[in-house]
Amino acid sequence: MPSTSGRQTHPLRDMVADLIGATRERHRDLLRATPRAADLGRTASSARYTASPLWGEHVLLVDDTWTTGNHVRSAASALKSAGAGTVAVVVLGRHLNSDYEGTAAHVEQARLRRFSWDVCPLRPWSHI
């Protein structure tokens, strides 16, 4: 999924598109963040992305973060609207840089909470 943080390149794109041999030949950038994507925050919206035309093709959507699922839902909606068949999602974990903005505080707060598969450690409410 393309970043809506305004950054031009993303390490996940390099990993999926260039480094992993099995996907190198099949990878395509299908989604583009719209100009107002960053203004949407974490809200799910069909206005977040536009997608290249698809004709029943199956898509594996790769993302590096899952908090609320709203970005993935927005991306899947754009892909389906563009004609995708099945849209599957895989989310890869990533290393947290404790020097980046408020990450250290989020990590410390998460450590203080009891772990549950049903609750996001950064947004402590049930997502089921």
C-alpha atoms as a PDB file:
ATOM      1  CA  MET A   1       0.000   0.000   0.000  1.00  0.00           C
ATOM      2  CA  PRO A   2       1.323   3.469  -0.720  1.00  0.00           C
ATOM      3  CA  SER A   3       2.188   5.655   2.218  1.00  0.00           C
ATOM      4  CA  THR A   4      -0.104   8.589   2.900  1.00  0.00           C
ATOM      5  CA  SER A   5       2.529  10.270   5.076  1.00  0.00           C
ATOM      6  CA  GLY A   6       3.919  12.224   2.128  1.00  0.00           C
ATOM      7  CA  ARG A   7       7.129  10.228   1.830  1.00  0.00           C
ATOM      8  CA  GLN A   8       8.249   9.507  -1.733  1.00  0.00           C
ATOM      9  CA  THR A   9       9.663   6.008  -1.229  1.00  0.00           C
ATOM     10  CA  HIS A  10       8.931   3.328   1.343  1.00  0.00           C
ATOM     11  CA  PRO A  11      11.181   0.424   2.413  1.00  0.00           C
ATOM     12  CA  LEU A  12       8.277  -2.046   2.158  1.00  0.00           C
ATOM     13  CA  ARG A  13       7.930  -1.317  -1.553  1.00  0.00           C
ATOM     14  CA  ASP A  14      11.614  -2.097  -2.050  1.00  0.00           C
ATOM     15  CA  MET A  15      11.297  -5.363  -0.100  1.00  0.00           C
ATOM     16  CA  VAL A  16       8.252  -6.639  -1.981  1.00  0.00           C
ATOM     17  CA  ALA A  17       9.072  -5.282  -5.432  1.00  0.00           C
ATOM     18  CA  ASP A  18      12.829  -5.695  -5.615  1.00  0.00           C
ATOM     19  CA  LEU A  19      14.291  -7.950  -2.936  1.00  0.00           C
ATOM     20  CA  ILE A  20      11.915 -10.922  -2.822  1.00  0.00           C
ATOM     21  CA  GLY A  21      12.610 -12.972  -5.934  1.00  0.00           C
ATOM     22  CA  ALA A  22       9.248 -14.751  -5.956  1.00  0.00           C
ATOM     23  CA  THR A  23       7.319 -11.493  -6.286  1.00  0.00           C
ATOM     24  CA  ARG A  24       9.784  -9.434  -8.311  1.00  0.00           C
ATOM     25  CA  GLU A  25       8.272 -10.259 -11.711  1.00  0.00           C
ATOM     26  CA  ARG A  26       4.661 -10.026 -10.557  1.00  0.00           C
ATOM     27  CA  HIS A  27       4.780  -6.867  -8.444  1.00  0.00           C
ATOM     28  CA  ARG A  28       2.910  -3.837  -9.725  1.00  0.00           C
ATOM     29  CA  ASP A  29       2.134  -0.535  -8.070  1.00  0.00           C
ATOM     30  CA  LEU A  30      -1.661  -0.456  -8.401  1.00  0.00           C
ATOM     31  CA  LEU A  31      -2.636   2.179  -5.854  1.00  0.00           C
ATOM     32  CA  ARG A  32      -1.974   5.877  -5.652  1.00  0.00           C
ATOM     33  CA  ALA A  33      -2.785   8.002  -2.634  1.00  0.00           C
ATOM     34  CA  THR A  34      -5.111  10.847  -3.553  1.00  0.00           C
ATOM     35  CA  PRO A  35      -4.181  14.469  -2.755  1.00  0.00           C
ATOM     36  CA  ARG A  36      -6.521  14.485   0.262  1.00  0.00           C
ATOM     37  CA  ALA A  37      -5.432  11.088   1.656  1.00  0.00           C
ATOM     38  CA  ALA A  38      -3.336  12.567   4.475  1.00  0.00           C
ATOM     39  CA  ASP A  39      -6.288  14.746   5.547  1.00  0.00           C
ATOM     40  CA  LEU A  40      -8.403  11.626   6.161  1.00  0.00           C
ATOM     41  CA  GLY A  41      -6.288  10.523   9.138  1.00  0.00           C
ATOM     42  CA  ARG A  42      -7.197   6.961  10.086  1.00  0.00           C
ATOM     43  CA  THR A  43     -10.712   7.130   8.614  1.00  0.00           C
ATOM     44  CA  ALA A  44     -11.716   4.463   6.070  1.00  0.00           C
ATOM     45  CA  SER A  45     -12.641   6.211   2.846  1.00  0.00           C
ATOM     46  CA  SER A  46     -12.988   5.377  -0.816  1.00  0.00           C
ATOM     47  CA  ALA A  47     -11.427   8.812  -1.450  1.00  0.00           C
ATOM     48  CA  ARG A  48      -8.058   7.730   0.024  1.00  0.00           C
ATOM     49  CA  TYR A  49      -6.715   5.827  -3.026  1.00  0.00           C
ATOM     50  CA  THR A  50      -7.189   5.473  -6.753  1.00  0.00           C
ATOM     51  CA  ALA A  51      -6.304   2.209  -8.473  1.00  0.00           C
ATOM     52  CA  SER A  52      -5.110   1.099 -11.891  1.00  0.00           C
ATOM     53  CA  PRO A  53      -7.762  -0.705 -13.962  1.00  0.00           C
ATOM     54  CA  LEU A  54      -8.063  -4.434 -13.257  1.00  0.00           C
ATOM     55  CA  TRP A  55     -10.084  -7.082 -15.030  1.00  0.00           C
ATOM     56  CA  GLY A  56     -10.951  -9.696 -12.436  1.00  0.00           C
ATOM     57  CA  GLU A  57      -7.298 -10.089 -11.420  1.00  0.00           C
ATOM     58  CA  HIS A  58      -6.587 -11.367  -7.915  1.00  0.00           C
ATOM     59  CA  VAL A  59      -4.539  -8.981  -5.793  1.00  0.00           C
ATOM     60  CA  LEU A  60      -2.327  -9.577  -2.775  1.00  0.00           C
ATOM     61  CA  LEU A  61      -2.180  -6.314  -0.877  1.00  0.00           C
ATOM     62  CA  VAL A  62       0.923  -5.947   1.331  1.00  0.00           C
ATOM     63  CA  ASP A  63       0.988  -3.456   4.190  1.00  0.00           C
ATOM     64  CA  ASP A  64       3.417  -2.789   7.010  1.00  0.00           C
ATOM     65  CA  THR A  65       1.013  -1.576   9.695  1.00  0.00           C
ATOM     66  CA  TRP A  66      -2.347  -2.716  11.025  1.00  0.00           C
ATOM     67  CA  THR A  67      -3.940  -0.554  13.664  1.00  0.00           C
ATOM     68  CA  THR A  68      -7.585  -0.040  12.794  1.00  0.00           C
ATOM     69  CA  GLY A  69      -7.614  -1.703   9.364  1.00  0.00           C
ATOM     70  CA  ASN A  70      -9.082   1.425   7.770  1.00  0.00           C
ATOM     71  CA  HIS A  71      -6.237   1.979   5.285  1.00  0.00           C
ATOM     72  CA  VAL A  72      -6.497  -1.638   4.098  1.00  0.00           C
ATOM     73  CA  ARG A  73     -10.273  -1.353   3.806  1.00  0.00           C
ATOM     74  CA  SER A  74      -9.856   1.861   1.789  1.00  0.00           C
ATOM     75  CA  ALA A  75      -7.266   0.224  -0.484  1.00  0.00           C
ATOM     76  CA  ALA A  76      -9.337  -2.935  -0.985  1.00  0.00           C
ATOM     77  CA  SER A  77     -12.360  -0.803  -1.853  1.00  0.00           C
ATOM     78  CA  ALA A  78     -10.366   1.104  -4.482  1.00  0.00           C
ATOM     79  CA  LEU A  79      -9.025  -2.151  -5.954  1.00  0.00           C
ATOM     80  CA  LYS A  80     -12.503  -3.727  -6.094  1.00  0.00           C
ATOM     81  CA  SER A  81     -13.912  -0.558  -7.703  1.00  0.00           C
ATOM     82  CA  ALA A  82     -11.135  -0.813 -10.310  1.00  0.00           C
ATOM     83  CA  GLY A  83     -12.286  -4.351 -11.189  1.00  0.00           C
ATOM     84  CA  ALA A  84     -10.161  -6.622  -8.965  1.00  0.00           C
ATOM     85  CA  GLY A  85     -11.404 -10.138  -8.309  1.00  0.00           C
ATOM     86  CA  THR A  86     -10.273 -11.332  -4.896  1.00  0.00           C
ATOM     87  CA  VAL A  87      -8.266  -8.934  -2.726  1.00  0.00           C
ATOM     88  CA  ALA A  88      -6.226 -10.659  -0.020  1.00  0.00           C
ATOM     89  CA  VAL A  89      -4.154  -8.829   2.578  1.00  0.00           C
ATOM     90  CA  VAL A  90      -0.931  -9.669   4.358  1.00  0.00           C
ATOM     91  CA  VAL A  91       0.457  -7.351   7.009  1.00  0.00           C
ATOM     92  CA  LEU A  92       4.136  -7.573   7.838  1.00  0.00           C
ATOM     93  CA  GLY A  93       5.402  -6.527  11.245  1.00  0.00           C
ATOM     94  CA  ARG A  94       7.995  -3.825  11.386  1.00  0.00           C
ATOM     95  CA  HIS A  95      10.605  -2.515  13.723  1.00  0.00           C
ATOM     96  CA  LEU A  96       9.552   0.515  15.726  1.00  0.00           C
ATOM     97  CA  ASN A  97      12.016   3.395  15.770  1.00  0.00           C
ATOM     98  CA  SER A  98      11.771   4.742  19.327  1.00  0.00           C
ATOM     99  CA  ASP A  99      13.387   8.019  18.207  1.00  0.00           C
ATOM    100  CA  TYR A 100      10.515   8.775  15.797  1.00  0.00           C
ATOM    101  CA  GLU A 101       7.897  11.232  17.104  1.00  0.00           C
ATOM    102  CA  GLY A 102       5.825   9.664  19.918  1.00  0.00           C
ATOM    103  CA  THR A 103       6.811   6.038  19.305  1.00  0.00           C
ATOM    104  CA  ALA A 104       8.705   5.611  22.604  1.00  0.00           C
ATOM    105  CA  ALA A 105       5.657   6.746  24.596  1.00  0.00           C
ATOM    106  CA  HIS A 106       3.361   4.377  22.628  1.00  0.00           C
ATOM    107  CA  VAL A 107       5.687   1.444  23.258  1.00  0.00           C
ATOM    108  CA  GLU A 108       5.913   2.219  26.977  1.00  0.00           C
ATOM    109  CA  GLN A 109       2.113   2.497  27.273  1.00  0.00           C
ATOM    110  CA  ALA A 110       1.696  -0.800  25.393  1.00  0.00           C
ATOM    111  CA  ARG A 111       4.084  -2.537  27.800  1.00  0.00           C
ATOM    112  CA  LEU A 112       1.908  -1.475  30.735  1.00  0.00           C
ATOM    113  CA  ARG A 113      -1.227  -3.075  29.256  1.00  0.00           C
ATOM    114  CA  ARG A 114      -2.138  -6.734  29.505  1.00  0.00           C
ATOM    115  CA  PHE A 115      -1.775  -8.419  26.105  1.00  0.00           C
ATOM    116  CA  SER A 116      -4.884  -9.475  24.223  1.00  0.00           C
ATOM    117  CA  TRP A 117      -5.266 -10.619  20.601  1.00  0.00           C
ATOM    118  CA  ASP A 118      -8.521  -8.640  20.524  1.00  0.00           C
ATOM    119  CA  VAL A 119      -7.089  -5.225  21.417  1.00  0.00           C
ATOM    120  CA  CYS A 120      -4.578  -3.091  19.530  1.00  0.00           C
ATOM    121  CA  PRO A 121      -1.764  -2.068  21.898  1.00  0.00           C
ATOM    122  CA  LEU A 122      -1.677   1.456  20.452  1.00  0.00           C
ATOM    123  CA  ARG A 123      -5.426   2.024  20.366  1.00  0.00           C
ATOM    124  CA  PRO A 124      -6.681   0.177  23.471  1.00  0.00           C
ATOM    125  CA  TRP A 125     -10.210  -0.702  22.537  1.00  0.00           C
ATOM    126  CA  SER A 126     -11.661  -3.869  21.129  1.00  0.00           C
ATOM    127  CA  HIS A 127     -11.676  -4.166  17.323  1.00  0.00           C
ATOM    128  CA  ILE A 128     -13.827  -7.295  17.159  1.00  0.00           C
END
